[in-house]
Amino acid sequence: MAKIATLTTTTVNSLKSSTALLDTTPSVPTTPDYMTSLTTLLESRHSTRAFLSTPVPTSILHTALSAAQHAPSNSNVQNWRLYLVSGQSLGDLKAALTLAASEASPKIPPLPPKYSHFRSELGHKVYGEGYGIPRSDLAGKIAKERRNYSFFDAPVAGIVCMDKSLSRVDALSVGMWLQSFLLGLTAQGLSSCIEVSVAGYMDIIADVLGLGDDMEVLCGVAIGYEDQGEKINGIRSGRMDWRECVVERA
């Protein structure tokens, strides 16, 4: 009967080491698919113009704000300032803005002519397709425009500011922070709409909210749960191909 050789522990370990040396397959680290998640958030976030009255949990806002605080900024000055408004304070702000809009147009610089077609195309989508208002119905268009100043009935509004003493390049930092904040909201099921129009009544906002003289209002943000039954929320503005916005040199 053949004798069966017994492998010692030393022999087994030696064989394992030899096999490991022969295995040249590179180790591929397993990482989460961050790109897919980011793309989903970027593509799903859109301007919501009709909100439910459902209250927004403060914890959701704070989670998004905590994450957004990691946004980059010039010299790390973190120069974004946000006034979150709800309840009676929001009611007061809406009333003051709506009254101001009925008395005078917002003080907002016009778009240069070469960019004006973007606003016209968006206006057709929003007012024509979304609200079903014909071009001839000026009163109907104005009535819908003024919904900006009620923040589209969102239960929470944000007023985005920065220090007036900073330069316009520092507004880039605020923009990066704001996008981060919006994506944080989207990731938790909330919708939003950026409103530049409210910045046209900076004095009104400053008076109602008690903003300091050093603060400049950049925009407003409507925040809440989307009313999916409203047609206007199905409107999507188009996007240029990224190649039209980028110059590559090698």
C-alpha atoms as a PDB file:
ATOM      1  CA  MET A   1       0.000   0.000   0.000  1.00  0.00           C
ATOM      2  CA  ALA A   2       1.461   3.320  -1.055  1.00  0.00           C
ATOM      3  CA  LYS A   3       2.567   5.602   1.706  1.00  0.00           C
ATOM      4  CA  ILE A   4       0.677   8.930   1.741  1.00  0.00           C
ATOM      5  CA  ALA A   5       2.991  11.884   2.348  1.00  0.00           C
ATOM      6  CA  THR A   6       2.001  14.237   5.125  1.00  0.00           C
ATOM      7  CA  LEU A   7       2.371  17.954   4.363  1.00  0.00           C
ATOM      8  CA  THR A   8       3.752  19.916   7.223  1.00  0.00           C
ATOM      9  CA  THR A   9       2.495  23.399   8.062  1.00  0.00           C
ATOM     10  CA  THR A  10       5.786  24.817   6.821  1.00  0.00           C
ATOM     11  CA  THR A  11       5.358  23.063   3.450  1.00  0.00           C
ATOM     12  CA  VAL A  12       1.776  24.363   3.023  1.00  0.00           C
ATOM     13  CA  ASN A  13       2.802  27.915   3.799  1.00  0.00           C
ATOM     14  CA  SER A  14       5.673  27.633   1.383  1.00  0.00           C
ATOM     15  CA  LEU A  15       3.330  26.508  -1.397  1.00  0.00           C
ATOM     16  CA  LYS A  16       0.944  29.377  -0.663  1.00  0.00           C
ATOM     17  CA  SER A  17       3.792  31.884  -0.876  1.00  0.00           C
ATOM     18  CA  SER A  18       4.953  30.452  -4.206  1.00  0.00           C
ATOM     19  CA  THR A  19       1.427  30.668  -5.623  1.00  0.00           C
ATOM     20  CA  ALA A  20       1.059  34.277  -4.446  1.00  0.00           C
ATOM     21  CA  LEU A  21       4.299  35.203  -6.193  1.00  0.00           C
ATOM     22  CA  LEU A  22       3.085  33.662  -9.456  1.00  0.00           C
ATOM     23  CA  ASP A  23      -0.307  35.485  -9.294  1.00  0.00           C
ATOM     24  CA  THR A  24       0.228  38.779 -11.130  1.00  0.00           C
ATOM     25  CA  THR A  25      -3.453  39.740 -11.376  1.00  0.00           C
ATOM     26  CA  PRO A  26      -3.713  43.398 -10.263  1.00  0.00           C
ATOM     27  CA  SER A  27      -5.885  44.087  -7.251  1.00  0.00           C
ATOM     28  CA  VAL A  28      -8.958  46.145  -8.225  1.00  0.00           C
ATOM     29  CA  PRO A  29     -10.413  48.078  -5.291  1.00  0.00           C
ATOM     30  CA  THR A  30     -14.161  48.002  -4.917  1.00  0.00           C
ATOM     31  CA  THR A  31     -15.632  51.507  -4.736  1.00  0.00           C
ATOM     32  CA  PRO A  32     -19.225  52.735  -4.688  1.00  0.00           C
ATOM     33  CA  ASP A  33     -20.619  53.954  -8.006  1.00  0.00           C
ATOM     34  CA  TYR A  34     -20.518  57.627  -7.071  1.00  0.00           C
ATOM     35  CA  MET A  35     -20.837  58.834 -10.669  1.00  0.00           C
ATOM     36  CA  THR A  36     -24.169  57.135 -11.244  1.00  0.00           C
ATOM     37  CA  SER A  37     -25.548  58.558  -8.011  1.00  0.00           C
ATOM     38  CA  LEU A  38     -24.304  62.061  -8.826  1.00  0.00           C
ATOM     39  CA  THR A  39     -25.663  61.946 -12.372  1.00  0.00           C
ATOM     40  CA  THR A  40     -29.050  60.800 -11.096  1.00  0.00           C
ATOM     41  CA  LEU A  41     -29.229  63.734  -8.680  1.00  0.00           C
ATOM     42  CA  LEU A  42     -28.110  66.284 -11.268  1.00  0.00           C
ATOM     43  CA  GLU A  43     -30.563  65.068 -13.885  1.00  0.00           C
ATOM     44  CA  SER A  44     -33.539  64.664 -11.544  1.00  0.00           C
ATOM     45  CA  ARG A  45     -33.299  68.085  -9.857  1.00  0.00           C
ATOM     46  CA  HIS A  46     -35.411  70.648 -11.681  1.00  0.00           C
ATOM     47  CA  SER A  47     -37.231  73.916 -11.041  1.00  0.00           C
ATOM     48  CA  THR A  48     -40.452  73.173  -9.177  1.00  0.00           C
ATOM     49  CA  ARG A  49     -43.175  75.807  -9.489  1.00  0.00           C
ATOM     50  CA  ALA A  50     -45.995  74.240  -7.471  1.00  0.00           C
ATOM     51  CA  PHE A  51     -45.512  72.837  -3.974  1.00  0.00           C
ATOM     52  CA  LEU A  52     -47.574  70.895  -1.473  1.00  0.00           C
ATOM     53  CA  SER A  53     -48.289  72.483   1.896  1.00  0.00           C
ATOM     54  CA  THR A  54     -46.667  69.492   3.620  1.00  0.00           C
ATOM     55  CA  PRO A  55     -44.268  70.747   6.333  1.00  0.00           C
ATOM     56  CA  VAL A  56     -40.565  70.207   5.700  1.00  0.00           C
ATOM     57  CA  PRO A  57     -38.722  68.449   8.565  1.00  0.00           C
ATOM     58  CA  THR A  58     -35.967  70.655   9.933  1.00  0.00           C
ATOM     59  CA  SER A  59     -33.677  67.626  10.132  1.00  0.00           C
ATOM     60  CA  ILE A  60     -33.715  67.286   6.324  1.00  0.00           C
ATOM     61  CA  LEU A  61     -32.705  70.903   5.860  1.00  0.00           C
ATOM     62  CA  HIS A  62     -29.932  70.590   8.426  1.00  0.00           C
ATOM     63  CA  THR A  63     -28.576  67.412   6.830  1.00  0.00           C
ATOM     64  CA  ALA A  64     -28.365  69.106   3.426  1.00  0.00           C
ATOM     65  CA  LEU A  65     -26.773  72.210   4.940  1.00  0.00           C
ATOM     66  CA  SER A  66     -24.194  70.162   6.828  1.00  0.00           C
ATOM     67  CA  ALA A  67     -23.142  68.376   3.631  1.00  0.00           C
ATOM     68  CA  ALA A  68     -23.102  71.575   1.560  1.00  0.00           C
ATOM     69  CA  GLN A  69     -20.742  73.242   4.022  1.00  0.00           C
ATOM     70  CA  HIS A  70     -17.960  71.164   2.442  1.00  0.00           C
ATOM     71  CA  ALA A  71     -18.232  73.185  -0.781  1.00  0.00           C
ATOM     72  CA  PRO A  72     -15.004  74.929  -1.867  1.00  0.00           C
ATOM     73  CA  SER A  73     -14.540  78.676  -1.538  1.00  0.00           C
ATOM     74  CA  ASN A  74     -11.920  81.300  -2.292  1.00  0.00           C
ATOM     75  CA  SER A  75      -9.349  81.288   0.542  1.00  0.00           C
ATOM     76  CA  ASN A  76     -11.828  79.099   2.456  1.00  0.00           C
ATOM     77  CA  VAL A  77     -13.859  82.186   3.448  1.00  0.00           C
ATOM     78  CA  GLN A  78     -17.132  80.171   3.200  1.00  0.00           C
ATOM     79  CA  ASN A  79     -18.912  83.385   2.321  1.00  0.00           C
ATOM     80  CA  TRP A  80     -22.421  82.044   1.739  1.00  0.00           C
ATOM     81  CA  ARG A  81     -25.141  83.271   4.055  1.00  0.00           C
ATOM     82  CA  LEU A  82     -28.620  81.765   4.033  1.00  0.00           C
ATOM     83  CA  TYR A  83     -31.761  83.039   5.701  1.00  0.00           C
ATOM     84  CA  LEU A  84     -34.277  80.192   6.014  1.00  0.00           C
ATOM     85  CA  VAL A  85     -37.818  81.493   6.346  1.00  0.00           C
ATOM     86  CA  SER A  86     -41.079  79.705   7.203  1.00  0.00           C
ATOM     87  CA  GLY A  87     -44.299  80.222   9.159  1.00  0.00           C
ATOM     88  CA  GLN A  88     -45.339  83.783   9.934  1.00  0.00           C
ATOM     89  CA  SER A  89     -42.004  85.214   8.814  1.00  0.00           C
ATOM     90  CA  LEU A  90     -42.520  83.673   5.386  1.00  0.00           C
ATOM     91  CA  GLY A  91     -46.065  84.998   5.264  1.00  0.00           C
ATOM     92  CA  ASP A  92     -44.807  88.502   5.999  1.00  0.00           C
ATOM     93  CA  LEU A  93     -42.102  88.239   3.354  1.00  0.00           C
ATOM     94  CA  LYS A  94     -44.511  86.958   0.706  1.00  0.00           C
ATOM     95  CA  ALA A  95     -46.991  89.749   1.401  1.00  0.00           C
ATOM     96  CA  ALA A  96     -44.306  92.441   1.218  1.00  0.00           C
ATOM     97  CA  LEU A  97     -42.780  91.076  -2.001  1.00  0.00           C
ATOM     98  CA  THR A  98     -46.147  90.636  -3.705  1.00  0.00           C
ATOM     99  CA  LEU A  99     -47.119  94.204  -2.857  1.00  0.00           C
ATOM    100  CA  ALA A 100     -43.786  95.534  -4.111  1.00  0.00           C
ATOM    101  CA  ALA A 101     -44.152  93.583  -7.373  1.00  0.00           C
ATOM    102  CA  SER A 102     -47.589  95.106  -7.928  1.00  0.00           C
ATOM    103  CA  GLU A 103     -46.127  98.601  -7.624  1.00  0.00           C
ATOM    104  CA  ALA A 104     -42.817  98.374  -9.504  1.00  0.00           C
ATOM    105  CA  SER A 105     -40.710  95.981 -11.573  1.00  0.00           C
ATOM    106  CA  PRO A 106     -37.785  94.231  -9.877  1.00  0.00           C
ATOM    107  CA  LYS A 107     -34.381  95.913 -10.158  1.00  0.00           C
ATOM    108  CA  ILE A 108     -32.651  93.178 -12.123  1.00  0.00           C
ATOM    109  CA  PRO A 109     -30.120  93.854 -14.900  1.00  0.00           C
ATOM    110  CA  PRO A 110     -31.434  92.756 -18.314  1.00  0.00           C
ATOM    111  CA  LEU A 111     -29.769  89.904 -20.147  1.00  0.00           C
ATOM    112  CA  PRO A 112     -27.419  90.930 -22.974  1.00  0.00           C
ATOM    113  CA  PRO A 113     -29.111  90.491 -26.395  1.00  0.00           C
ATOM    114  CA  LYS A 114     -27.046  87.435 -27.332  1.00  0.00           C
ATOM    115  CA  TYR A 115     -28.508  85.565 -24.338  1.00  0.00           C
ATOM    116  CA  SER A 116     -32.076  86.821 -24.512  1.00  0.00           C
ATOM    117  CA  HIS A 117     -33.272  83.921 -26.670  1.00  0.00           C
ATOM    118  CA  PHE A 118     -32.679  81.553 -23.736  1.00  0.00           C
ATOM    119  CA  ARG A 119     -35.149  83.523 -21.613  1.00  0.00           C
ATOM    120  CA  SER A 120     -37.669  83.613 -24.459  1.00  0.00           C
ATOM    121  CA  GLU A 121     -37.451  79.854 -24.981  1.00  0.00           C
ATOM    122  CA  LEU A 122     -37.842  79.182 -21.265  1.00  0.00           C
ATOM    123  CA  GLY A 123     -40.761  81.614 -21.068  1.00  0.00           C
ATOM    124  CA  HIS A 124     -42.557  79.775 -23.853  1.00  0.00           C
ATOM    125  CA  LYS A 125     -42.103  76.470 -22.047  1.00  0.00           C
ATOM    126  CA  VAL A 126     -43.173  77.773 -18.641  1.00  0.00           C
ATOM    127  CA  TYR A 127     -46.051  80.068 -19.573  1.00  0.00           C
ATOM    128  CA  GLY A 128     -47.129  78.511 -22.852  1.00  0.00           C
ATOM    129  CA  GLU A 129     -46.709  74.788 -22.266  1.00  0.00           C
ATOM    130  CA  GLY A 130     -46.730  74.676 -18.463  1.00  0.00           C
ATOM    131  CA  TYR A 131     -49.476  77.185 -17.641  1.00  0.00           C
ATOM    132  CA  GLY A 132     -51.248  77.177 -20.999  1.00  0.00           C
ATOM    133  CA  ILE A 133     -51.247  80.982 -21.276  1.00  0.00           C
ATOM    134  CA  PRO A 134     -51.366  82.397 -24.825  1.00  0.00           C
ATOM    135  CA  ARG A 135     -48.953  85.193 -25.741  1.00  0.00           C
ATOM    136  CA  SER A 136     -51.858  87.612 -26.018  1.00  0.00           C
ATOM    137  CA  ASP A 137     -52.897  87.080 -22.369  1.00  0.00           C
ATOM    138  CA  LEU A 138     -50.574  89.588 -20.709  1.00  0.00           C
ATOM    139  CA  ALA A 139     -52.624  89.769 -17.508  1.00  0.00           C
ATOM    140  CA  GLY A 140     -52.520  85.988 -17.125  1.00  0.00           C
ATOM    141  CA  LYS A 141     -48.739  85.973 -17.620  1.00  0.00           C
ATOM    142  CA  ILE A 142     -48.226  88.708 -15.012  1.00  0.00           C
ATOM    143  CA  ALA A 143     -50.399  86.838 -12.509  1.00  0.00           C
ATOM    144  CA  LYS A 144     -48.264  83.721 -12.899  1.00  0.00           C
ATOM    145  CA  GLU A 145     -45.040  85.722 -12.761  1.00  0.00           C
ATOM    146  CA  ARG A 146     -46.062  87.087  -9.392  1.00  0.00           C
ATOM    147  CA  ARG A 147     -46.224  83.559  -8.008  1.00  0.00           C
ATOM    148  CA  ASN A 148     -42.453  83.938  -7.755  1.00  0.00           C
ATOM    149  CA  TYR A 149     -43.033  86.271  -4.834  1.00  0.00           C
ATOM    150  CA  SER A 150     -45.135  83.723  -2.972  1.00  0.00           C
ATOM    151  CA  PHE A 151     -42.342  81.191  -3.564  1.00  0.00           C
ATOM    152  CA  PHE A 152     -44.871  79.046  -5.441  1.00  0.00           C
ATOM    153  CA  ASP A 153     -46.577  78.263  -2.119  1.00  0.00           C
ATOM    154  CA  ALA A 154     -43.530  76.400  -0.814  1.00  0.00           C
ATOM    155  CA  PRO A 155     -43.553  76.009   2.996  1.00  0.00           C
ATOM    156  CA  VAL A 156     -39.903  77.093   3.248  1.00  0.00           C
ATOM    157  CA  ALA A 157     -38.010  79.849   1.472  1.00  0.00           C
ATOM    158  CA  GLY A 158     -34.329  80.629   1.473  1.00  0.00           C
ATOM    159  CA  ILE A 159     -32.696  83.984   0.849  1.00  0.00           C
ATOM    160  CA  VAL A 160     -29.114  83.541  -0.348  1.00  0.00           C
ATOM    161  CA  CYS A 161     -26.718  86.385   0.472  1.00  0.00           C
ATOM    162  CA  MET A 162     -23.062  87.268   0.629  1.00  0.00           C
ATOM    163  CA  ASP A 163     -21.012  90.093   2.082  1.00  0.00           C
ATOM    164  CA  LYS A 164     -21.053  93.203  -0.137  1.00  0.00           C
ATOM    165  CA  SER A 165     -17.377  93.840   0.569  1.00  0.00           C
ATOM    166  CA  LEU A 166     -16.349  90.724  -1.347  1.00  0.00           C
ATOM    167  CA  SER A 167     -15.727  90.715  -5.102  1.00  0.00           C
ATOM    168  CA  ARG A 168     -17.922  89.144  -7.746  1.00  0.00           C
ATOM    169  CA  VAL A 169     -15.525  86.200  -8.080  1.00  0.00           C
ATOM    170  CA  ASP A 170     -16.583  85.195  -4.564  1.00  0.00           C
ATOM    171  CA  ALA A 171     -20.117  84.676  -5.880  1.00  0.00           C
ATOM    172  CA  LEU A 172     -18.666  81.558  -7.520  1.00  0.00           C
ATOM    173  CA  SER A 173     -18.142  80.095  -4.066  1.00  0.00           C
ATOM    174  CA  VAL A 174     -21.761  80.797  -3.175  1.00  0.00           C
ATOM    175  CA  GLY A 175     -22.855  79.116  -6.393  1.00  0.00           C
ATOM    176  CA  MET A 176     -20.890  75.961  -5.637  1.00  0.00           C
ATOM    177  CA  TRP A 177     -22.338  75.858  -2.140  1.00  0.00           C
ATOM    178  CA  LEU A 178     -25.878  76.443  -3.426  1.00  0.00           C
ATOM    179  CA  GLN A 179     -25.674  73.600  -5.940  1.00  0.00           C
ATOM    180  CA  SER A 180     -24.414  71.318  -3.177  1.00  0.00           C
ATOM    181  CA  PHE A 181     -27.299  72.351  -0.942  1.00  0.00           C
ATOM    182  CA  LEU A 182     -29.877  71.760  -3.671  1.00  0.00           C
ATOM    183  CA  LEU A 183     -28.520  68.300  -4.419  1.00  0.00           C
ATOM    184  CA  GLY A 184     -28.627  67.509  -0.707  1.00  0.00           C
ATOM    185  CA  LEU A 185     -32.310  68.429  -0.708  1.00  0.00           C
ATOM    186  CA  THR A 186     -32.985  66.390  -3.852  1.00  0.00           C
ATOM    187  CA  ALA A 187     -31.274  63.337  -2.353  1.00  0.00           C
ATOM    188  CA  GLN A 188     -33.782  63.470   0.502  1.00  0.00           C
ATOM    189  CA  GLY A 189     -36.913  63.860  -1.625  1.00  0.00           C
ATOM    190  CA  LEU A 190     -37.323  67.640  -1.526  1.00  0.00           C
ATOM    191  CA  SER A 191     -37.783  69.932  -4.510  1.00  0.00           C
ATOM    192  CA  SER A 192     -36.613  73.475  -5.092  1.00  0.00           C
ATOM    193  CA  CYS A 193     -36.640  76.475  -7.387  1.00  0.00           C
ATOM    194  CA  ILE A 194     -33.995  79.175  -7.641  1.00  0.00           C
ATOM    195  CA  GLU A 195     -35.525  82.658  -7.902  1.00  0.00           C
ATOM    196  CA  VAL A 196     -33.354  85.521  -9.062  1.00  0.00           C
ATOM    197  CA  SER A 197     -36.437  87.748  -9.343  1.00  0.00           C
ATOM    198  CA  VAL A 198     -36.763  88.282  -5.581  1.00  0.00           C
ATOM    199  CA  ALA A 199     -33.280  89.808  -5.478  1.00  0.00           C
ATOM    200  CA  GLY A 200     -34.800  92.693  -7.405  1.00  0.00           C
ATOM    201  CA  TYR A 201     -36.497  93.797  -4.174  1.00  0.00           C
ATOM    202  CA  MET A 202     -33.449  93.691  -1.928  1.00  0.00           C
ATOM    203  CA  ASP A 203     -34.584  96.601   0.241  1.00  0.00           C
ATOM    204  CA  ILE A 204     -37.917  94.902   0.946  1.00  0.00           C
ATOM    205  CA  ILE A 205     -36.212  91.657   1.941  1.00  0.00           C
ATOM    206  CA  ALA A 206     -33.702  93.474   4.121  1.00  0.00           C
ATOM    207  CA  ASP A 207     -36.473  95.323   5.922  1.00  0.00           C
ATOM    208  CA  VAL A 208     -38.646  92.243   6.561  1.00  0.00           C
ATOM    209  CA  LEU A 209     -35.830  89.903   7.596  1.00  0.00           C
ATOM    210  CA  GLY A 210     -33.594  92.439   9.285  1.00  0.00           C
ATOM    211  CA  LEU A 211     -30.600  91.929   7.005  1.00  0.00           C
ATOM    212  CA  GLY A 212     -27.505  93.929   7.855  1.00  0.00           C
ATOM    213  CA  ASP A 213     -26.255  96.673   5.576  1.00  0.00           C
ATOM    214  CA  ASP A 214     -23.303  94.449   4.699  1.00  0.00           C
ATOM    215  CA  MET A 215     -25.486  91.763   3.081  1.00  0.00           C
ATOM    216  CA  GLU A 216     -26.237  91.517  -0.638  1.00  0.00           C
ATOM    217  CA  VAL A 217     -29.153  89.335  -1.745  1.00  0.00           C
ATOM    218  CA  LEU A 218     -28.182  87.050  -4.645  1.00  0.00           C
ATOM    219  CA  CYS A 219     -31.338  84.981  -5.053  1.00  0.00           C
ATOM    220  CA  GLY A 220     -34.192  83.229  -3.329  1.00  0.00           C
ATOM    221  CA  VAL A 221     -34.955  79.502  -3.101  1.00  0.00           C
ATOM    222  CA  ALA A 222     -38.362  77.877  -2.808  1.00  0.00           C
ATOM    223  CA  ILE A 223     -38.142  74.578  -0.889  1.00  0.00           C
ATOM    224  CA  GLY A 224     -40.725  71.868  -0.302  1.00  0.00           C
ATOM    225  CA  TYR A 225     -42.415  68.761  -1.639  1.00  0.00           C
ATOM    226  CA  GLU A 226     -43.416  68.897  -5.285  1.00  0.00           C
ATOM    227  CA  ASP A 227     -47.092  68.831  -6.258  1.00  0.00           C
ATOM    228  CA  GLN A 228     -46.848  66.161  -8.936  1.00  0.00           C
ATOM    229  CA  GLY A 229     -50.408  66.788 -10.044  1.00  0.00           C
ATOM    230  CA  GLU A 230     -49.498  70.190 -11.486  1.00  0.00           C
ATOM    231  CA  LYS A 231     -48.567  70.232 -15.187  1.00  0.00           C
ATOM    232  CA  ILE A 232     -46.047  73.024 -14.683  1.00  0.00           C
ATOM    233  CA  ASN A 233     -43.831  70.651 -12.720  1.00  0.00           C
ATOM    234  CA  GLY A 234     -43.478  68.417 -15.756  1.00  0.00           C
ATOM    235  CA  ILE A 235     -41.710  71.149 -17.709  1.00  0.00           C
ATOM    236  CA  ARG A 236     -38.011  70.588 -18.327  1.00  0.00           C
ATOM    237  CA  SER A 237     -35.723  73.230 -19.785  1.00  0.00           C
ATOM    238  CA  GLY A 238     -33.270  71.958 -22.378  1.00  0.00           C
ATOM    239  CA  ARG A 239     -29.524  71.856 -21.968  1.00  0.00           C
ATOM    240  CA  MET A 240     -26.783  72.581 -24.479  1.00  0.00           C
ATOM    241  CA  ASP A 241     -24.319  69.837 -25.270  1.00  0.00           C
ATOM    242  CA  TRP A 242     -21.379  70.257 -22.902  1.00  0.00           C
ATOM    243  CA  ARG A 243     -19.039  70.531 -25.899  1.00  0.00           C
ATOM    244  CA  GLU A 244     -20.613  73.893 -26.715  1.00  0.00           C
ATOM    245  CA  CYS A 245     -19.459  75.209 -23.330  1.00  0.00           C
ATOM    246  CA  VAL A 246     -15.965  73.760 -23.176  1.00  0.00           C
ATOM    247  CA  VAL A 247     -12.754  74.513 -25.098  1.00  0.00           C
ATOM    248  CA  GLU A 248     -10.181  71.733 -24.963  1.00  0.00           C
ATOM    249  CA  ARG A 249      -6.531  72.332 -25.798  1.00  0.00           C
ATOM    250  CA  ALA A 250      -3.775  69.733 -25.802  1.00  0.00           C
END
